[in-house]
C-alpha atoms as a PDB file:
ATOM      1  CA  UNK A   1      -6.477 177.449 237.456  1.00  0.00           C
ATOM      2  CA  UNK A   2      -4.252 180.448 238.249  1.00  0.00           C
ATOM      3  CA  UNK A   3      -1.668 179.511 235.607  1.00  0.00           C
ATOM      4  CA  UNK A   4      -4.314 178.547 233.061  1.00  0.00           C
ATOM      5  CA  UNK A   5      -5.963 181.942 233.402  1.00  0.00           C
ATOM      6  CA  UNK A   6      -2.930 184.183 233.756  1.00  0.00           C
ATOM      7  CA  UNK A   7      -0.544 182.783 231.128  1.00  0.00           C
ATOM      8  CA  UNK A   8      -3.005 183.018 228.206  1.00  0.00           C
ATOM      9  CA  UNK A   9      -3.863 186.577 229.261  1.00  0.00           C
ATOM     10  CA  UNK A  10      -0.184 187.543 229.282  1.00  0.00           C
ATOM     11  CA  UNK A  11       0.345 185.937 225.880  1.00  0.00           C
ATOM     12  CA  UNK A  12      -2.623 187.792 224.363  1.00  0.00           C
ATOM     13  CA  UNK A  13      -1.365 191.042 225.893  1.00  0.00           C
ATOM     14  CA  UNK A  14       2.043 190.484 224.322  1.00  0.00           C
ATOM     15  CA  UNK A  15       0.531 189.820 220.880  1.00  0.00           C
ATOM     16  CA  UNK A  16      -1.618 192.920 221.199  1.00  0.00           C
ATOM     17  CA  UNK A  17       1.392 195.055 222.090  1.00  0.00           C
ATOM     18  CA  UNK A  18       3.449 193.719 219.188  1.00  0.00           C
ATOM     19  CA  UNK A  19       0.628 194.373 216.771  1.00  0.00           C
ATOM     20  CA  UNK A  20      -0.178 197.894 217.972  1.00  0.00           C
ATOM     21  CA  UNK A  21       1.900 200.697 216.427  1.00  0.00           C
ATOM     22  CA  UNK A  22       3.196 203.294 218.874  1.00  0.00           C
ATOM     23  CA  UNK A  23       3.555 206.982 218.136  1.00  0.00           C
ATOM     24  CA  UNK A  24       6.625 207.226 220.388  1.00  0.00           C
ATOM     25  CA  UNK A  25       9.807 205.193 220.366  1.00  0.00           C
ATOM     26  CA  UNK A  26      10.190 202.096 222.504  1.00  0.00           C
ATOM     27  CA  UNK A  27      12.506 202.128 225.514  1.00  0.00           C
ATOM     28  CA  UNK A  28      14.770 199.370 226.774  1.00  0.00           C
ATOM     29  CA  UNK A  29      15.625 199.800 230.466  1.00  0.00           C
ATOM     30  CA  UNK A  30      18.613 198.007 231.986  1.00  0.00           C
ATOM     31  CA  UNK A  31      18.884 198.376 235.776  1.00  0.00           C
ATOM     32  CA  UNK A  32      21.574 196.746 237.930  1.00  0.00           C
ATOM     33  CA  UNK A  33      20.460 197.145 241.566  1.00  0.00           C
ATOM     34  CA  UNK A  34      21.303 196.519 245.203  1.00  0.00           C
ATOM     35  CA  UNK A  35      18.948 196.490 248.165  1.00  0.00           C
ATOM     36  CA  UNK A  36      17.673 194.668 251.210  1.00  0.00           C
ATOM     37  CA  UNK A  37      15.111 192.003 252.124  1.00  0.00           C
ATOM     38  CA  UNK A  38      12.671 192.442 255.006  1.00  0.00           C
ATOM     39  CA  UNK A  39       9.353 191.184 256.361  1.00  0.00           C
ATOM     40  CA  UNK A  40       7.941 187.670 256.157  1.00  0.00           C
ATOM     41  CA  UNK A  41      10.716 185.066 256.137  1.00  0.00           C
ATOM     42  CA  UNK A  42      13.272 187.897 255.839  1.00  0.00           C
ATOM     43  CA  UNK A  43      12.395 189.264 259.280  1.00  0.00           C
ATOM     44  CA  UNK A  44      15.761 188.287 260.749  1.00  0.00           C
ATOM     45  CA  UNK A  45      15.522 190.287 263.972  1.00  0.00           C
ATOM     46  CA  UNK A  46      18.123 192.684 265.304  1.00  0.00           C
ATOM     47  CA  UNK A  47      21.884 192.525 264.820  1.00  0.00           C
ATOM     48  CA  UNK A  48      24.659 193.946 266.971  1.00  0.00           C
ATOM     49  CA  UNK A  49      26.795 194.808 263.971  1.00  0.00           C
ATOM     50  CA  UNK A  50      25.962 196.615 260.716  1.00  0.00           C
ATOM     51  CA  UNK A  51      28.196 194.238 258.761  1.00  0.00           C
ATOM     52  CA  UNK A  52      26.239 191.234 260.035  1.00  0.00           C
ATOM     53  CA  UNK A  53      22.896 192.842 259.184  1.00  0.00           C
ATOM     54  CA  UNK A  54      24.055 193.906 255.721  1.00  0.00           C
ATOM     55  CA  UNK A  55      25.341 190.421 254.924  1.00  0.00           C
ATOM     56  CA  UNK A  56      22.081 188.790 255.959  1.00  0.00           C
ATOM     57  CA  UNK A  57      19.656 191.189 254.286  1.00  0.00           C
ATOM     58  CA  UNK A  58      21.506 192.217 251.116  1.00  0.00           C
ATOM     59  CA  UNK A  59      19.919 191.468 247.737  1.00  0.00           C
ATOM     60  CA  UNK A  60      21.483 192.285 244.371  1.00  0.00           C
ATOM     61  CA  UNK A  61      20.673 191.682 240.742  1.00  0.00           C
ATOM     62  CA  UNK A  62      19.469 193.313 237.550  1.00  0.00           C
ATOM     63  CA  UNK A  63      16.348 193.800 235.471  1.00  0.00           C
ATOM     64  CA  UNK A  64      15.857 194.286 231.750  1.00  0.00           C
ATOM     65  CA  UNK A  65      12.611 195.919 230.735  1.00  0.00           C
ATOM     66  CA  UNK A  66      10.909 197.054 227.541  1.00  0.00           C
ATOM     67  CA  UNK A  67       8.359 199.854 227.412  1.00  0.00           C
ATOM     68  CA  UNK A  68       6.491 200.641 224.209  1.00  0.00           C
ATOM     69  CA  UNK A  69       5.109 203.953 223.055  1.00  0.00           C
ATOM     70  CA  UNK A  70       2.185 203.527 225.450  1.00  0.00           C
ATOM     71  CA  UNK A  71       2.160 202.626 229.116  1.00  0.00           C
ATOM     72  CA  UNK A  72       2.475 198.820 229.013  1.00  0.00           C
ATOM     73  CA  UNK A  73       5.646 196.746 228.721  1.00  0.00           C
ATOM     74  CA  UNK A  74       7.428 193.753 230.190  1.00  0.00           C
ATOM     75  CA  UNK A  75      10.597 192.935 232.104  1.00  0.00           C
ATOM     76  CA  UNK A  76      12.806 190.092 233.254  1.00  0.00           C
ATOM     77  CA  UNK A  77      14.012 190.535 236.844  1.00  0.00           C
ATOM     78  CA  UNK A  78      16.862 188.573 238.460  1.00  0.00           C
ATOM     79  CA  UNK A  79      17.666 188.844 242.173  1.00  0.00           C
ATOM     80  CA  UNK A  80      20.159 187.055 244.411  1.00  0.00           C
ATOM     81  CA  UNK A  81      20.334 187.186 248.199  1.00  0.00           C
ATOM     82  CA  UNK A  82      23.627 185.424 249.046  1.00  0.00           C
ATOM     83  CA  UNK A  83      23.094 184.988 252.799  1.00  0.00           C
ATOM     84  CA  UNK A  84      19.338 184.656 253.173  1.00  0.00           C
ATOM     85  CA  UNK A  85      19.642 181.470 255.287  1.00  0.00           C
ATOM     86  CA  UNK A  86      23.210 182.011 256.484  1.00  0.00           C
ATOM     87  CA  UNK A  87      24.258 182.709 260.070  1.00  0.00           C
ATOM     88  CA  UNK A  88      26.204 185.932 259.531  1.00  0.00           C
ATOM     89  CA  UNK A  89      26.905 186.753 263.165  1.00  0.00           C
ATOM     90  CA  UNK A  90      30.642 186.589 263.893  1.00  0.00           C
ATOM     91  CA  UNK A  91      34.025 187.657 262.603  1.00  0.00           C
ATOM     92  CA  UNK A  92      33.584 186.476 258.997  1.00  0.00           C
ATOM     93  CA  UNK A  93      32.530 189.870 257.691  1.00  0.00           C
ATOM     94  CA  UNK A  94      31.422 190.117 254.049  1.00  0.00           C
ATOM     95  CA  UNK A  95      32.254 186.484 253.318  1.00  0.00           C
ATOM     96  CA  UNK A  96      29.057 185.607 251.485  1.00  0.00           C
ATOM     97  CA  UNK A  97      27.863 182.110 252.264  1.00  0.00           C
ATOM     98  CA  UNK A  98      26.128 179.444 250.225  1.00  0.00           C
ATOM     99  CA  UNK A  99      22.696 179.504 251.898  1.00  0.00           C
ATOM    100  CA  UNK A 100      20.915 181.808 249.495  1.00  0.00           C
ATOM    101  CA  UNK A 101      17.731 182.712 247.657  1.00  0.00           C
ATOM    102  CA  UNK A 102      17.559 183.373 243.902  1.00  0.00           C
ATOM    103  CA  UNK A 103      14.568 184.860 242.089  1.00  0.00           C
ATOM    104  CA  UNK A 104      13.911 185.022 238.343  1.00  0.00           C
ATOM    105  CA  UNK A 105      10.657 186.664 237.306  1.00  0.00           C
ATOM    106  CA  UNK A 106       8.878 187.559 234.074  1.00  0.00           C
ATOM    107  CA  UNK A 107       6.728 190.616 234.717  1.00  0.00           C
ATOM    108  CA  UNK A 108       4.231 192.946 233.098  1.00  0.00           C
ATOM    109  CA  UNK A 109       5.061 196.657 233.527  1.00  0.00           C
ATOM    110  CA  UNK A 110       2.608 199.536 233.571  1.00  0.00           C
ATOM    111  CA  UNK A 111       4.304 202.947 233.672  1.00  0.00           C
ATOM    112  CA  UNK A 112       3.598 206.537 232.644  1.00  0.00           C
ATOM    113  CA  UNK A 113       6.487 208.584 231.174  1.00  0.00           C
ATOM    114  CA  UNK A 114       5.917 211.964 232.854  1.00  0.00           C
ATOM    115  CA  UNK A 115       7.909 214.479 230.808  1.00  0.00           C
ATOM    116  CA  UNK A 116       8.204 212.216 227.772  1.00  0.00           C
ATOM    117  CA  UNK A 117      10.686 209.539 226.775  1.00  0.00           C
ATOM    118  CA  UNK A 118      13.680 211.801 226.174  1.00  0.00           C
ATOM    119  CA  UNK A 119      15.656 214.047 228.461  1.00  0.00           C
ATOM    120  CA  UNK A 120      14.898 214.563 232.160  1.00  0.00           C
ATOM    121  CA  UNK A 121      11.663 213.100 233.458  1.00  0.00           C
ATOM    122  CA  UNK A 122      10.131 210.472 235.717  1.00  0.00           C
ATOM    123  CA  UNK A 123       8.240 207.243 235.108  1.00  0.00           C
ATOM    124  CA  UNK A 124       6.226 205.814 238.011  1.00  0.00           C
ATOM    125  CA  UNK A 125       5.295 202.195 237.407  1.00  0.00           C
ATOM    126  CA  UNK A 126       3.608 199.096 238.790  1.00  0.00           C
ATOM    127  CA  UNK A 127       4.757 195.561 238.049  1.00  0.00           C
ATOM    128  CA  UNK A 128       3.762 191.975 238.649  1.00  0.00           C
ATOM    129  CA  UNK A 129       4.409 188.513 237.304  1.00  0.00           C
ATOM    130  CA  UNK A 130       5.441 184.932 237.959  1.00  0.00           C
ATOM    131  CA  UNK A 131       8.659 182.944 237.869  1.00  0.00           C
ATOM    132  CA  UNK A 132      11.170 180.957 239.910  1.00  0.00           C
ATOM    133  CA  UNK A 133      12.046 181.311 243.593  1.00  0.00           C
ATOM    134  CA  UNK A 134      15.003 179.044 244.382  1.00  0.00           C
ATOM    135  CA  UNK A 135      16.306 178.406 247.889  1.00  0.00           C
ATOM    136  CA  UNK A 136      19.622 176.720 248.688  1.00  0.00           C
ATOM    137  CA  UNK A 137      20.914 175.810 252.149  1.00  0.00           C
ATOM    138  CA  UNK A 138      24.512 174.650 252.344  1.00  0.00           C
ATOM    139  CA  UNK A 139      24.962 171.472 254.390  1.00  0.00           C
ATOM    140  CA  UNK A 140      27.912 170.392 256.483  1.00  0.00           C
ATOM    141  CA  UNK A 141      29.436 167.104 257.583  1.00  0.00           C
ATOM    142  CA  UNK A 142      26.152 166.103 259.238  1.00  0.00           C
ATOM    143  CA  UNK A 143      23.566 167.284 256.680  1.00  0.00           C
ATOM    144  CA  UNK A 144      23.163 167.239 252.917  1.00  0.00           C
ATOM    145  CA  UNK A 145      22.613 170.421 250.918  1.00  0.00           C
ATOM    146  CA  UNK A 146      18.960 171.419 250.669  1.00  0.00           C
ATOM    147  CA  UNK A 147      17.576 172.835 247.427  1.00  0.00           C
ATOM    148  CA  UNK A 148      14.074 174.006 246.619  1.00  0.00           C
ATOM    149  CA  UNK A 149      12.779 175.284 243.264  1.00  0.00           C
ATOM    150  CA  UNK A 150       9.318 176.830 243.526  1.00  0.00           C
ATOM    151  CA  UNK A 151       6.913 178.649 241.284  1.00  0.00           C
ATOM    152  CA  UNK A 152       6.340 182.090 242.749  1.00  0.00           C
ATOM    153  CA  UNK A 153       4.977 185.527 242.048  1.00  0.00           C
ATOM    154  CA  UNK A 154       5.966 189.122 242.752  1.00  0.00           C
ATOM    155  CA  UNK A 155       4.094 192.418 242.764  1.00  0.00           C
ATOM    156  CA  UNK A 156       5.473 195.872 243.340  1.00  0.00           C
ATOM    157  CA  UNK A 157       5.908 199.467 242.290  1.00  0.00           C
ATOM    158  CA  UNK A 158       8.648 201.997 241.804  1.00  0.00           C
ATOM    159  CA  UNK A 159       9.899 205.155 240.160  1.00  0.00           C
ATOM    160  CA  UNK A 160      12.467 205.785 237.447  1.00  0.00           C
ATOM    161  CA  UNK A 161      13.939 209.295 237.512  1.00  0.00           C
ATOM    162  CA  UNK A 162      15.983 210.272 234.448  1.00  0.00           C
ATOM    163  CA  UNK A 163      18.655 212.989 234.350  1.00  0.00           C
ATOM    164  CA  UNK A 164      19.442 212.665 230.629  1.00  0.00           C
ATOM    165  CA  UNK A 165      18.201 210.697 227.624  1.00  0.00           C
ATOM    166  CA  UNK A 166      20.043 207.600 228.808  1.00  0.00           C
ATOM    167  CA  UNK A 167      20.818 207.716 232.562  1.00  0.00           C
ATOM    168  CA  UNK A 168      18.547 207.627 235.585  1.00  0.00           C
ATOM    169  CA  UNK A 169      18.012 206.168 239.061  1.00  0.00           C
ATOM    170  CA  UNK A 170      15.331 203.668 240.050  1.00  0.00           C
ATOM    171  CA  UNK A 171      13.758 203.068 243.437  1.00  0.00           C
ATOM    172  CA  UNK A 172      11.716 199.874 243.707  1.00  0.00           C
ATOM    173  CA  UNK A 173       9.833 197.803 246.290  1.00  0.00           C
ATOM    174  CA  UNK A 174       8.393 194.320 245.676  1.00  0.00           C
ATOM    175  CA  UNK A 175       6.664 191.495 247.484  1.00  0.00           C
ATOM    176  CA  UNK A 176       7.688 187.890 246.674  1.00  0.00           C
ATOM    177  CA  UNK A 177       5.806 184.723 247.609  1.00  0.00           C
ATOM    178  CA  UNK A 178       6.071 181.095 246.590  1.00  0.00           C
ATOM    179  CA  UNK A 179       3.173 179.039 245.279  1.00  0.00           C
ATOM    180  CA  UNK A 180       2.589 175.378 246.154  1.00  0.00           C
ATOM    181  CA  UNK A 181       1.012 172.821 243.873  1.00  0.00           C
ATOM    182  CA  UNK A 182      -1.789 170.684 245.292  1.00  0.00           C
ATOM    183  CA  UNK A 183      -4.029 168.007 243.919  1.00  0.00           C
ATOM    184  CA  UNK A 184      -7.664 168.187 245.030  1.00  0.00           C
ATOM    185  CA  UNK A 185     -10.601 166.244 243.543  1.00  0.00           C
ATOM    186  CA  UNK A 186      -8.558 165.429 240.419  1.00  0.00           C
ATOM    187  CA  UNK A 187      -8.226 169.147 239.675  1.00  0.00           C
ATOM    188  CA  UNK A 188      -4.972 171.082 239.478  1.00  0.00           C
ATOM    189  CA  UNK A 189      -4.880 173.956 241.938  1.00  0.00           C
ATOM    190  CA  UNK A 190      -2.364 176.522 243.184  1.00  0.00           C
ATOM    191  CA  UNK A 191      -2.305 177.750 246.757  1.00  0.00           C
ATOM    192  CA  UNK A 192      -0.156 180.311 248.523  1.00  0.00           C
ATOM    193  CA  UNK A 193       2.655 178.784 250.538  1.00  0.00           C
ATOM    194  CA  UNK A 194       4.292 180.223 253.633  1.00  0.00           C
ATOM    195  CA  UNK A 195       7.581 181.507 252.173  1.00  0.00           C
ATOM    196  CA  UNK A 196       7.491 185.227 251.455  1.00  0.00           C
ATOM    197  CA  UNK A 197       9.531 188.401 251.804  1.00  0.00           C
ATOM    198  CA  UNK A 198       9.771 192.019 250.683  1.00  0.00           C
ATOM    199  CA  UNK A 199      12.640 193.508 248.679  1.00  0.00           C
ATOM    200  CA  UNK A 200      13.559 197.198 248.472  1.00  0.00           C
ATOM    201  CA  UNK A 201      16.240 198.245 245.981  1.00  0.00           C
ATOM    202  CA  UNK A 202      17.904 201.205 244.335  1.00  0.00           C
ATOM    203  CA  UNK A 203      19.647 200.981 240.979  1.00  0.00           C
ATOM    204  CA  UNK A 204      21.172 202.819 238.058  1.00  0.00           C
ATOM    205  CA  UNK A 205      18.888 202.732 235.010  1.00  0.00           C
ATOM    206  CA  UNK A 206      20.348 202.845 231.502  1.00  0.00           C
ATOM    207  CA  UNK A 207      17.727 203.777 228.905  1.00  0.00           C
ATOM    208  CA  UNK A 208      18.200 202.972 225.258  1.00  0.00           C
ATOM    209  CA  UNK A 209      15.791 202.314 222.464  1.00  0.00           C
ATOM    210  CA  UNK A 210      14.604 202.818 218.960  1.00  0.00           C
ATOM    211  CA  UNK A 211      11.536 203.432 216.914  1.00  0.00           C
END
């Protein structure tokens, strides 16, 4: 029921946006980022070494967003945490392992361009959407590799601060959670599963656009 309700709503929103003329130019926002995971299944405990903690928590990726002349837009967000399930304690510093988590989300953006869409200014925003949360755990001589591809969602908020027409910095925090499919009374249903985490990132935003 969740997918049946949400996806048509998103599609209608997209058609409405494409059919509504804007009085200001549209913005494309490209943001490569780096950050850290925490909370939920990313609550890894304490580490004796900063290198070990960085390796375990680090998350990196990029997002590409489009904002129209109003306040509503969309984005595609890709994140990769290379050592989410890896044991990073030890001498192998910064040798990223193969036990990782990948996220790929399609999101709706709602943001207000304080100061306009050119020159210095800020744009606070909220975002949310659905997509893929993929987990991979590298096996060894005793175990096979484990892979899991799950439908998931993310919600969050952040702030873009621009120094010029084209360059700015983004701070962002998001909550990710997988969804599990169940069959009950011959009806398709979606229920929250128990895999979740928070992600906080900072990135360089490149703004470009047209009318």
